[in-house]
Amino acid sequence: MKRIIIFASGSGTNAENLITFFSNRDDASVVQVLTNNAQAKVIERCKKLNVSVLSFNKDDFLQSNHILNILKTSRTDLIVLAGFIWKFPEFIMKEFPNKVINIHPALLPKYGGKGMYGKRVHEAVIQNNENETGITIHYVNENYDEGAIIFQTKCDVNKTDTANDIAVKIHKLEMEYFPKVVEKLLFPKE
């Protein structure tokens, strides 16, 4: 059984999608969701789906081995960042090489980096008159949004699109492709 742990900071739609995608399988499962936001909607979603959820603070994450120990004890096969906005610590990545991935709501390397998440990304896309945007799923490294790209897919940006319009298009891509990419990483075809 492949074991997935998700890190999330917000509403948790991607976490819910992944949990649901793997819920009726005997070869993979989301075993836990970890959040740095005790008020995050992802907590409600996890409770409804009967998935363990734990909130933590900066010291648990950055200064102690608390989160690292949870990941080790859980025998984690893949760590998935789904709307998680804190920089991931190197000491955890060293314990899980090429096992930490993130989804970003733009076509990296454009519109990545510290502070580039959610609506901010979509507003930047509009400001720069881009005619397309998309999602990037990538490995996490020591720099925000600079890890090796695993997968990208695009959507059009119309001249009349607002940041909310783009968010809807991006959300649709995330819902369709994120679980499939996670599945391929867990079960690569030889």
N, C-alpha and C. Protein backbone atom coordinates (compact mmCIF):
# COMPACT_ATOMS: atom_id res chain seq x y z
N MET A 1 0.84 -1.18 0.00
CA MET A 1 0.00 0.00 0.00
C MET A 1 0.88 1.25 0.00
N LYS A 2 0.71 2.10 -0.99
CA LYS A 2 1.43 3.38 -1.07
C LYS A 2 0.72 4.38 -0.17
N ARG A 3 1.52 5.12 0.61
CA ARG A 3 0.97 6.01 1.62
C ARG A 3 1.30 7.47 1.27
N ILE A 4 0.25 8.28 1.14
CA ILE A 4 0.37 9.69 0.76
C ILE A 4 0.04 10.56 1.97
N ILE A 5 0.86 11.57 2.19
CA ILE A 5 0.54 12.60 3.18
C ILE A 5 0.47 13.93 2.45
N ILE A 6 -0.59 14.67 2.72
CA ILE A 6 -0.83 15.96 2.07
C ILE A 6 -0.60 17.09 3.07
N PHE A 7 0.05 18.14 2.61
CA PHE A 7 0.18 19.38 3.36
C PHE A 7 -0.70 20.42 2.68
N ALA A 8 -1.55 21.10 3.43
CA ALA A 8 -2.46 22.11 2.89
C ALA A 8 -2.58 23.27 3.86
N SER A 9 -2.89 24.46 3.31
CA SER A 9 -3.03 25.65 4.15
C SER A 9 -4.40 26.29 4.07
N GLY A 10 -5.22 25.88 3.09
CA GLY A 10 -6.45 26.62 2.84
C GLY A 10 -7.70 25.78 2.75
N SER A 11 -8.42 25.98 1.64
CA SER A 11 -9.76 25.37 1.52
C SER A 11 -9.72 23.86 1.35
N GLY A 12 -8.66 23.34 0.76
CA GLY A 12 -8.52 21.89 0.69
C GLY A 12 -9.22 21.19 -0.45
N THR A 13 -9.55 21.91 -1.51
CA THR A 13 -10.23 21.24 -2.63
C THR A 13 -9.32 20.22 -3.31
N ASN A 14 -8.04 20.55 -3.46
CA ASN A 14 -7.11 19.58 -4.04
C ASN A 14 -6.90 18.39 -3.12
N ALA A 15 -6.81 18.65 -1.82
CA ALA A 15 -6.68 17.55 -0.86
C ALA A 15 -7.89 16.63 -0.94
N GLU A 16 -9.08 17.22 -0.94
CA GLU A 16 -10.30 16.42 -1.03
C GLU A 16 -10.33 15.60 -2.31
N ASN A 17 -9.93 16.20 -3.41
CA ASN A 17 -9.91 15.51 -4.70
C ASN A 17 -8.96 14.30 -4.66
N LEU A 18 -7.79 14.49 -4.07
CA LEU A 18 -6.84 13.38 -3.96
C LEU A 18 -7.35 12.29 -3.03
N ILE A 19 -7.91 12.70 -1.90
CA ILE A 19 -8.47 11.71 -0.96
C ILE A 19 -9.54 10.88 -1.64
N THR A 20 -10.43 11.55 -2.34
CA THR A 20 -11.54 10.86 -3.02
C THR A 20 -11.01 9.94 -4.12
N PHE A 21 -10.05 10.42 -4.89
CA PHE A 21 -9.47 9.64 -5.99
C PHE A 21 -8.89 8.31 -5.49
N PHE A 22 -8.23 8.35 -4.34
CA PHE A 22 -7.58 7.14 -3.81
C PHE A 22 -8.41 6.41 -2.77
N SER A 23 -9.64 6.84 -2.52
CA SER A 23 -10.42 6.31 -1.39
C SER A 23 -10.85 4.85 -1.53
N ASN A 24 -11.12 4.40 -2.71
CA ASN A 24 -11.62 3.02 -2.87
C ASN A 24 -10.56 2.08 -3.45
N ARG A 25 -9.32 2.39 -3.18
CA ARG A 25 -8.24 1.58 -3.72
C ARG A 25 -7.54 0.82 -2.60
N ASP A 26 -6.97 -0.30 -2.95
CA ASP A 26 -6.22 -1.04 -1.95
C ASP A 26 -4.71 -0.94 -2.17
N ASP A 27 -4.30 -0.15 -3.19
CA ASP A 27 -2.88 -0.01 -3.48
C ASP A 27 -2.30 1.36 -3.07
N ALA A 28 -3.17 2.33 -2.74
CA ALA A 28 -2.70 3.66 -2.35
C ALA A 28 -3.78 4.36 -1.55
N SER A 29 -3.35 5.24 -0.65
CA SER A 29 -4.31 5.95 0.19
C SER A 29 -3.67 7.22 0.75
N VAL A 30 -4.50 8.24 0.92
CA VAL A 30 -4.07 9.42 1.68
C VAL A 30 -4.26 9.06 3.15
N VAL A 31 -3.16 8.96 3.87
CA VAL A 31 -3.23 8.50 5.26
C VAL A 31 -3.34 9.65 6.26
N GLN A 32 -2.94 10.85 5.83
CA GLN A 32 -3.02 11.98 6.75
C GLN A 32 -2.90 13.29 5.97
N VAL A 33 -3.53 14.33 6.54
CA VAL A 33 -3.37 15.69 6.04
C VAL A 33 -2.81 16.52 7.18
N LEU A 34 -1.80 17.31 6.87
CA LEU A 34 -1.16 18.19 7.84
C LEU A 34 -1.39 19.63 7.39
N THR A 35 -1.77 20.50 8.32
CA THR A 35 -2.02 21.90 7.97
C THR A 35 -1.36 22.85 8.95
N ASN A 36 -0.89 23.96 8.43
CA ASN A 36 -0.28 25.00 9.26
C ASN A 36 -1.31 26.07 9.63
N ASN A 37 -2.59 25.81 9.34
CA ASN A 37 -3.65 26.78 9.59
C ASN A 37 -4.79 26.09 10.34
N ALA A 38 -4.88 26.36 11.62
CA ALA A 38 -5.89 25.71 12.46
C ALA A 38 -7.32 26.08 12.08
N GLN A 39 -7.49 27.10 11.24
CA GLN A 39 -8.82 27.53 10.77
C GLN A 39 -9.10 27.09 9.33
N ALA A 40 -8.20 26.36 8.73
CA ALA A 40 -8.33 25.99 7.31
C ALA A 40 -9.56 25.11 7.07
N LYS A 41 -10.23 25.36 5.95
CA LYS A 41 -11.39 24.56 5.57
C LYS A 41 -11.02 23.10 5.27
N VAL A 42 -9.74 22.86 4.97
CA VAL A 42 -9.31 21.49 4.71
C VAL A 42 -9.60 20.59 5.91
N ILE A 43 -9.61 21.14 7.11
CA ILE A 43 -9.87 20.35 8.32
C ILE A 43 -11.28 19.77 8.28
N GLU A 44 -12.27 20.61 7.92
CA GLU A 44 -13.66 20.12 7.79
C GLU A 44 -13.76 19.04 6.72
N ARG A 45 -13.11 19.28 5.60
CA ARG A 45 -13.17 18.30 4.50
C ARG A 45 -12.62 16.95 4.94
N CYS A 46 -11.51 16.97 5.66
CA CYS A 46 -10.90 15.72 6.12
C CYS A 46 -11.79 14.99 7.11
N LYS A 47 -12.41 15.73 8.00
CA LYS A 47 -13.30 15.10 8.98
C LYS A 47 -14.46 14.41 8.28
N LYS A 48 -15.04 15.07 7.26
CA LYS A 48 -16.15 14.46 6.50
C LYS A 48 -15.71 13.20 5.77
N LEU A 49 -14.44 13.18 5.35
CA LEU A 49 -13.92 12.05 4.59
C LEU A 49 -13.21 11.01 5.47
N ASN A 50 -13.27 11.22 6.78
CA ASN A 50 -12.64 10.30 7.73
C ASN A 50 -11.15 10.10 7.50
N VAL A 51 -10.46 11.21 7.21
CA VAL A 51 -9.00 11.18 7.06
C VAL A 51 -8.40 11.99 8.20
N SER A 52 -7.40 11.43 8.82
CA SER A 52 -6.73 12.10 9.94
C SER A 52 -6.15 13.44 9.48
N VAL A 53 -6.38 14.47 10.30
CA VAL A 53 -5.84 15.80 10.00
C VAL A 53 -5.22 16.36 11.27
N LEU A 54 -4.07 17.00 11.10
CA LEU A 54 -3.35 17.55 12.23
C LEU A 54 -2.87 18.95 11.87
N SER A 55 -3.11 19.91 12.77
CA SER A 55 -2.56 21.24 12.55
C SER A 55 -1.28 21.38 13.37
N PHE A 56 -0.37 22.18 12.85
CA PHE A 56 0.93 22.34 13.50
C PHE A 56 1.38 23.79 13.39
N ASN A 57 2.39 24.15 14.19
CA ASN A 57 2.91 25.51 14.16
C ASN A 57 4.32 25.52 13.55
N LYS A 58 4.87 26.72 13.42
CA LYS A 58 6.19 26.88 12.78
C LYS A 58 7.29 26.12 13.51
N ASP A 59 7.25 26.13 14.84
CA ASP A 59 8.28 25.41 15.58
C ASP A 59 8.21 23.91 15.32
N ASP A 60 6.98 23.35 15.29
CA ASP A 60 6.81 21.92 14.98
C ASP A 60 7.43 21.57 13.63
N PHE A 61 7.31 22.50 12.70
CA PHE A 61 7.69 22.27 11.31
C PHE A 61 9.16 22.57 11.05
N LEU A 62 9.63 23.71 11.57
CA LEU A 62 10.96 24.19 11.20
C LEU A 62 12.03 23.96 12.26
N GLN A 63 11.66 23.94 13.53
CA GLN A 63 12.66 23.90 14.59
C GLN A 63 12.81 22.53 15.27
N SER A 64 11.79 21.70 15.14
CA SER A 64 11.86 20.39 15.82
C SER A 64 11.71 19.29 14.78
N ASN A 65 11.78 18.06 15.26
CA ASN A 65 11.59 16.90 14.37
C ASN A 65 10.17 16.37 14.43
N HIS A 66 9.24 17.15 15.02
CA HIS A 66 7.87 16.68 15.21
C HIS A 66 7.23 16.22 13.89
N ILE A 67 7.24 17.07 12.89
CA ILE A 67 6.61 16.73 11.61
C ILE A 67 7.42 15.64 10.90
N LEU A 68 8.73 15.75 10.94
CA LEU A 68 9.58 14.72 10.33
C LEU A 68 9.29 13.36 10.94
N ASN A 69 9.13 13.29 12.23
CA ASN A 69 8.83 12.02 12.90
C ASN A 69 7.47 11.46 12.47
N ILE A 70 6.49 12.34 12.29
CA ILE A 70 5.18 11.89 11.80
C ILE A 70 5.33 11.27 10.42
N LEU A 71 6.09 11.93 9.55
CA LEU A 71 6.28 11.43 8.19
C LEU A 71 7.00 10.08 8.18
N LYS A 72 8.00 9.94 9.03
CA LYS A 72 8.74 8.68 9.11
C LYS A 72 7.87 7.57 9.69
N THR A 73 7.18 7.87 10.78
CA THR A 73 6.33 6.87 11.43
C THR A 73 5.22 6.40 10.51
N SER A 74 4.75 7.30 9.67
CA SER A 74 3.67 6.96 8.73
C SER A 74 4.16 6.18 7.52
N ARG A 75 5.48 5.99 7.42
CA ARG A 75 6.07 5.29 6.27
C ARG A 75 5.59 5.92 4.96
N THR A 76 5.76 7.21 4.87
CA THR A 76 5.25 8.00 3.76
C THR A 76 5.97 7.68 2.46
N ASP A 77 5.19 7.40 1.42
CA ASP A 77 5.75 7.16 0.09
C ASP A 77 5.81 8.44 -0.74
N LEU A 78 4.85 9.35 -0.51
CA LEU A 78 4.82 10.59 -1.27
C LEU A 78 4.21 11.70 -0.41
N ILE A 79 4.88 12.85 -0.41
CA ILE A 79 4.40 14.03 0.29
C ILE A 79 3.90 15.00 -0.77
N VAL A 80 2.64 15.39 -0.65
CA VAL A 80 2.01 16.24 -1.66
C VAL A 80 1.64 17.57 -1.02
N LEU A 81 2.19 18.66 -1.58
CA LEU A 81 1.83 19.99 -1.14
C LEU A 81 0.68 20.46 -2.03
N ALA A 82 -0.45 20.73 -1.40
CA ALA A 82 -1.66 21.10 -2.14
C ALA A 82 -2.20 22.40 -1.55
N GLY A 83 -1.69 23.52 -2.05
CA GLY A 83 -2.07 24.79 -1.48
C GLY A 83 -1.39 25.04 -0.15
N PHE A 84 -0.17 24.56 -0.02
CA PHE A 84 0.62 24.77 1.20
C PHE A 84 1.59 25.90 0.94
N ILE A 85 1.54 26.97 1.76
CA ILE A 85 2.27 28.18 1.40
C ILE A 85 3.60 28.39 2.12
N TRP A 86 3.95 27.55 3.07
CA TRP A 86 5.25 27.70 3.73
C TRP A 86 6.33 27.00 2.92
N LYS A 87 7.54 27.56 2.99
CA LYS A 87 8.68 26.92 2.36
C LYS A 87 8.98 25.61 3.10
N PHE A 88 9.21 24.56 2.32
CA PHE A 88 9.42 23.24 2.91
C PHE A 88 10.87 23.12 3.38
N PRO A 89 11.09 22.64 4.61
CA PRO A 89 12.45 22.59 5.16
C PRO A 89 13.34 21.54 4.48
N GLU A 90 14.59 21.94 4.29
CA GLU A 90 15.55 21.04 3.63
C GLU A 90 15.78 19.76 4.39
N PHE A 91 15.76 19.82 5.74
CA PHE A 91 16.05 18.61 6.51
C PHE A 91 14.97 17.54 6.30
N ILE A 92 13.75 17.95 5.99
CA ILE A 92 12.70 16.96 5.68
C ILE A 92 12.89 16.44 4.26
N MET A 93 13.19 17.35 3.33
CA MET A 93 13.40 16.91 1.93
C MET A 93 14.55 15.92 1.82
N LYS A 94 15.60 16.10 2.64
CA LYS A 94 16.74 15.17 2.61
C LYS A 94 16.32 13.77 3.03
N GLU A 95 15.35 13.67 3.94
CA GLU A 95 14.86 12.36 4.38
C GLU A 95 13.93 11.72 3.34
N PHE A 96 13.38 12.54 2.46
CA PHE A 96 12.44 12.06 1.44
C PHE A 96 12.84 12.59 0.06
N PRO A 97 14.00 12.18 -0.44
CA PRO A 97 14.46 12.71 -1.73
C PRO A 97 13.52 12.32 -2.87
N ASN A 98 13.17 13.30 -3.68
CA ASN A 98 12.25 13.12 -4.82
C ASN A 98 10.92 12.52 -4.40
N LYS A 99 10.49 12.83 -3.18
CA LYS A 99 9.21 12.34 -2.66
C LYS A 99 8.31 13.48 -2.21
N VAL A 100 8.72 14.74 -2.49
CA VAL A 100 7.92 15.90 -2.11
C VAL A 100 7.57 16.65 -3.39
N ILE A 101 6.26 16.78 -3.66
CA ILE A 101 5.82 17.46 -4.86
C ILE A 101 4.85 18.59 -4.50
N ASN A 102 4.71 19.52 -5.43
CA ASN A 102 3.83 20.67 -5.25
C ASN A 102 3.05 20.92 -6.53
N ILE A 103 1.90 21.54 -6.39
CA ILE A 103 1.14 22.00 -7.55
C ILE A 103 1.13 23.52 -7.50
N HIS A 104 1.39 24.14 -8.65
CA HIS A 104 1.44 25.61 -8.74
C HIS A 104 0.47 26.08 -9.83
N PRO A 105 -0.28 27.17 -9.56
CA PRO A 105 -1.31 27.60 -10.51
C PRO A 105 -0.81 28.51 -11.63
N ALA A 106 0.31 28.14 -12.23
CA ALA A 106 0.86 28.88 -13.37
C ALA A 106 1.84 27.96 -14.09
N LEU A 107 2.29 28.42 -15.24
CA LEU A 107 3.26 27.67 -16.02
C LEU A 107 4.67 28.12 -15.60
N LEU A 108 5.21 27.42 -14.63
CA LEU A 108 6.56 27.76 -14.17
C LEU A 108 7.54 27.60 -15.33
N PRO A 109 8.59 28.40 -15.40
CA PRO A 109 9.12 29.25 -14.34
C PRO A 109 8.42 30.61 -14.19
N LYS A 110 7.47 30.90 -15.05
CA LYS A 110 6.76 32.18 -14.90
C LYS A 110 5.86 32.15 -13.66
N TYR A 111 5.79 33.28 -12.98
CA TYR A 111 4.84 33.53 -11.89
C TYR A 111 5.00 32.57 -10.71
N GLY A 112 6.25 32.26 -10.42
CA GLY A 112 6.55 31.46 -9.24
C GLY A 112 7.35 32.28 -8.25
N GLY A 113 7.66 31.67 -7.13
CA GLY A 113 8.49 32.33 -6.13
C GLY A 113 7.70 32.73 -4.90
N LYS A 114 8.42 33.27 -3.94
CA LYS A 114 7.81 33.65 -2.66
C LYS A 114 6.67 34.65 -2.89
N GLY A 115 5.54 34.38 -2.27
CA GLY A 115 4.38 35.27 -2.36
C GLY A 115 3.52 35.08 -3.59
N MET A 116 3.95 34.22 -4.51
CA MET A 116 3.18 33.99 -5.73
C MET A 116 2.29 32.75 -5.54
N TYR A 117 1.09 32.99 -5.06
CA TYR A 117 0.12 31.91 -4.89
C TYR A 117 -1.27 32.49 -5.08
N GLY A 118 -2.21 31.61 -5.38
CA GLY A 118 -3.61 32.00 -5.49
C GLY A 118 -3.87 33.14 -6.45
N LYS A 119 -4.70 34.06 -6.01
CA LYS A 119 -5.15 35.17 -6.84
C LYS A 119 -4.00 36.05 -7.32
N ARG A 120 -2.95 36.15 -6.54
CA ARG A 120 -1.79 36.96 -6.93
C ARG A 120 -1.20 36.49 -8.26
N VAL A 121 -1.15 35.18 -8.44
CA VAL A 121 -0.62 34.62 -9.68
C VAL A 121 -1.51 35.01 -10.85
N HIS A 122 -2.81 34.85 -10.68
CA HIS A 122 -3.75 35.14 -11.77
C HIS A 122 -3.74 36.62 -12.13
N GLU A 123 -3.62 37.47 -11.13
CA GLU A 123 -3.55 38.92 -11.39
C GLU A 123 -2.29 39.27 -12.18
N ALA A 124 -1.18 38.62 -11.86
CA ALA A 124 0.07 38.85 -12.59
C ALA A 124 -0.05 38.39 -14.04
N VAL A 125 -0.73 37.27 -14.26
CA VAL A 125 -0.95 36.77 -15.61
C VAL A 125 -1.73 37.80 -16.43
N ILE A 126 -2.78 38.36 -15.84
CA ILE A 126 -3.59 39.38 -16.53
C ILE A 126 -2.77 40.64 -16.79
N GLN A 127 -2.04 41.10 -15.77
CA GLN A 127 -1.23 42.32 -15.90
C GLN A 127 -0.24 42.22 -17.04
N ASN A 128 0.28 41.03 -17.27
CA ASN A 128 1.29 40.84 -18.31
C ASN A 128 0.69 40.41 -19.65
N ASN A 129 -0.63 40.50 -19.76
CA ASN A 129 -1.33 40.21 -21.03
C ASN A 129 -0.98 38.85 -21.62
N GLU A 130 -0.86 37.86 -20.74
CA GLU A 130 -0.60 36.49 -21.21
C GLU A 130 -1.82 35.96 -21.96
N ASN A 131 -1.57 35.15 -22.97
CA ASN A 131 -2.70 34.54 -23.68
C ASN A 131 -2.93 33.10 -23.26
N GLU A 132 -2.05 32.60 -22.38
CA GLU A 132 -2.26 31.28 -21.81
C GLU A 132 -1.63 31.21 -20.42
N THR A 133 -2.15 30.29 -19.64
CA THR A 133 -1.60 29.99 -18.32
C THR A 133 -1.85 28.50 -18.10
N GLY A 134 -1.72 28.04 -16.89
CA GLY A 134 -1.95 26.62 -16.65
C GLY A 134 -1.50 26.21 -15.26
N ILE A 135 -1.19 24.93 -15.14
CA ILE A 135 -0.71 24.40 -13.86
C ILE A 135 0.64 23.73 -14.08
N THR A 136 1.42 23.71 -13.02
CA THR A 136 2.69 23.00 -13.01
C THR A 136 2.73 22.13 -11.77
N ILE A 137 3.06 20.87 -11.95
CA ILE A 137 3.32 19.97 -10.84
C ILE A 137 4.82 19.71 -10.88
N HIS A 138 5.48 19.94 -9.74
CA HIS A 138 6.94 19.88 -9.73
C HIS A 138 7.45 19.31 -8.41
N TYR A 139 8.68 18.82 -8.47
CA TYR A 139 9.35 18.40 -7.24
C TYR A 139 9.70 19.65 -6.44
N VAL A 140 9.72 19.51 -5.14
CA VAL A 140 10.06 20.61 -4.26
C VAL A 140 11.56 20.55 -3.96
N ASN A 141 12.20 21.72 -4.07
CA ASN A 141 13.60 21.82 -3.66
C ASN A 141 13.74 22.98 -2.67
N GLU A 142 14.96 23.45 -2.46
CA GLU A 142 15.20 24.46 -1.45
C GLU A 142 14.69 25.85 -1.82
N ASN A 143 14.29 26.07 -3.06
CA ASN A 143 13.78 27.36 -3.50
C ASN A 143 12.31 27.25 -3.91
N TYR A 144 11.54 28.30 -3.63
CA TYR A 144 10.13 28.32 -4.01
C TYR A 144 9.97 28.08 -5.51
N ASP A 145 9.20 27.07 -5.86
CA ASP A 145 8.75 26.83 -7.25
C ASP A 145 9.88 26.64 -8.26
N GLU A 146 11.03 26.15 -7.81
CA GLU A 146 12.15 25.96 -8.73
C GLU A 146 12.54 24.49 -8.93
N GLY A 147 11.82 23.58 -8.31
CA GLY A 147 12.15 22.16 -8.46
C GLY A 147 11.82 21.66 -9.86
N ALA A 148 12.38 20.51 -10.20
CA ALA A 148 12.19 19.92 -11.53
C ALA A 148 10.70 19.75 -11.84
N ILE A 149 10.34 20.13 -13.06
CA ILE A 149 8.94 20.04 -13.49
C ILE A 149 8.60 18.59 -13.84
N ILE A 150 7.48 18.13 -13.31
CA ILE A 150 6.97 16.79 -13.57
C ILE A 150 5.92 16.84 -14.68
N PHE A 151 5.05 17.87 -14.63
CA PHE A 151 3.91 17.93 -15.55
C PHE A 151 3.43 19.38 -15.66
N GLN A 152 3.03 19.76 -16.87
CA GLN A 152 2.36 21.04 -17.09
C GLN A 152 1.23 20.83 -18.09
N THR A 153 0.18 21.62 -17.91
CA THR A 153 -0.88 21.69 -18.91
C THR A 153 -1.41 23.11 -18.94
N LYS A 154 -1.97 23.50 -20.09
CA LYS A 154 -2.32 24.89 -20.32
C LYS A 154 -3.81 25.11 -20.51
N CYS A 155 -4.19 26.38 -20.35
CA CYS A 155 -5.52 26.84 -20.73
C CYS A 155 -5.37 28.26 -21.30
N ASP A 156 -6.33 28.66 -22.10
CA ASP A 156 -6.31 29.99 -22.70
C ASP A 156 -6.70 31.05 -21.68
N VAL A 157 -6.15 32.23 -21.89
CA VAL A 157 -6.55 33.42 -21.13
C VAL A 157 -7.17 34.38 -22.14
N ASN A 158 -8.43 34.69 -21.93
CA ASN A 158 -9.13 35.62 -22.82
C ASN A 158 -8.92 37.05 -22.35
N LYS A 159 -9.02 37.99 -23.26
CA LYS A 159 -8.82 39.41 -22.94
C LYS A 159 -9.78 39.89 -21.86
N THR A 160 -10.95 39.28 -21.79
CA THR A 160 -11.97 39.71 -20.81
C THR A 160 -11.90 38.95 -19.49
N ASP A 161 -10.97 37.98 -19.37
CA ASP A 161 -10.88 37.17 -18.16
C ASP A 161 -10.46 38.01 -16.95
N THR A 162 -11.13 37.75 -15.84
CA THR A 162 -10.73 38.32 -14.55
C THR A 162 -9.87 37.28 -13.83
N ALA A 163 -9.29 37.68 -12.72
CA ALA A 163 -8.52 36.72 -11.91
C ALA A 163 -9.41 35.57 -11.47
N ASN A 164 -10.67 35.85 -11.17
CA ASN A 164 -11.60 34.78 -10.78
C ASN A 164 -11.90 33.84 -11.94
N ASP A 165 -12.02 34.39 -13.15
CA ASP A 165 -12.24 33.53 -14.33
C ASP A 165 -11.07 32.57 -14.52
N ILE A 166 -9.87 33.12 -14.37
CA ILE A 166 -8.68 32.27 -14.52
C ILE A 166 -8.64 31.23 -13.40
N ALA A 167 -8.98 31.63 -12.19
CA ALA A 167 -8.99 30.68 -11.06
C ALA A 167 -9.90 29.49 -11.35
N VAL A 168 -11.04 29.74 -11.97
CA VAL A 168 -11.97 28.65 -12.31
C VAL A 168 -11.33 27.71 -13.32
N LYS A 169 -10.67 28.27 -14.33
CA LYS A 169 -10.01 27.42 -15.34
C LYS A 169 -8.88 26.59 -14.73
N ILE A 170 -8.10 27.23 -13.86
CA ILE A 170 -6.99 26.54 -13.21
C ILE A 170 -7.52 25.43 -12.30
N HIS A 171 -8.57 25.73 -11.55
CA HIS A 171 -9.16 24.74 -10.65
C HIS A 171 -9.61 23.50 -11.43
N LYS A 172 -10.20 23.72 -12.58
CA LYS A 172 -10.65 22.59 -13.42
C LYS A 172 -9.45 21.73 -13.84
N LEU A 173 -8.35 22.36 -14.23
CA LEU A 173 -7.15 21.61 -14.61
C LEU A 173 -6.60 20.83 -13.41
N GLU A 174 -6.56 21.48 -12.25
CA GLU A 174 -6.08 20.81 -11.04
C GLU A 174 -6.90 19.57 -10.72
N MET A 175 -8.21 19.71 -10.78
CA MET A 175 -9.10 18.59 -10.44
C MET A 175 -8.90 17.42 -11.40
N GLU A 176 -8.68 17.73 -12.67
CA GLU A 176 -8.53 16.67 -13.67
C GLU A 176 -7.17 15.98 -13.60
N TYR A 177 -6.10 16.77 -13.48
CA TYR A 177 -4.76 16.21 -13.69
C TYR A 177 -3.98 15.85 -12.43
N PHE A 178 -4.20 16.55 -11.34
CA PHE A 178 -3.38 16.32 -10.15
C PHE A 178 -3.44 14.87 -9.66
N PRO A 179 -4.62 14.28 -9.49
CA PRO A 179 -4.65 12.87 -9.04
C PRO A 179 -3.96 11.91 -10.01
N LYS A 180 -4.11 12.17 -11.31
CA LYS A 180 -3.49 11.28 -12.31
C LYS A 180 -1.97 11.35 -12.24
N VAL A 181 -1.43 12.54 -12.04
CA VAL A 181 0.02 12.69 -11.94
C VAL A 181 0.53 12.03 -10.67
N VAL A 182 -0.17 12.21 -9.56
CA VAL A 182 0.21 11.54 -8.31
C VAL A 182 0.21 10.03 -8.51
N GLU A 183 -0.82 9.52 -9.16
CA GLU A 183 -0.90 8.08 -9.42
C GLU A 183 0.30 7.60 -10.24
N LYS A 184 0.66 8.35 -11.28
CA LYS A 184 1.81 7.96 -12.12
C LYS A 184 3.11 7.98 -11.34
N LEU A 185 3.25 8.92 -10.41
CA LEU A 185 4.46 8.96 -9.59
C LEU A 185 4.52 7.77 -8.64
N LEU A 186 3.39 7.38 -8.11
CA LEU A 186 3.35 6.24 -7.19
C LEU A 186 3.53 4.91 -7.92
N PHE A 187 3.02 4.84 -9.12
CA PHE A 187 3.05 3.58 -9.89
C PHE A 187 3.60 3.83 -11.28
N PRO A 188 4.90 4.13 -11.38
CA PRO A 188 5.48 4.39 -12.71
C PRO A 188 5.47 3.12 -13.54
N LYS A 189 5.17 3.31 -14.80
CA LYS A 189 5.20 2.17 -15.73
C LYS A 189 6.63 1.96 -16.17
N GLU A 190 7.08 0.73 -16.05
CA GLU A 190 8.47 0.44 -16.44
C GLU A 190 8.62 0.49 -17.93
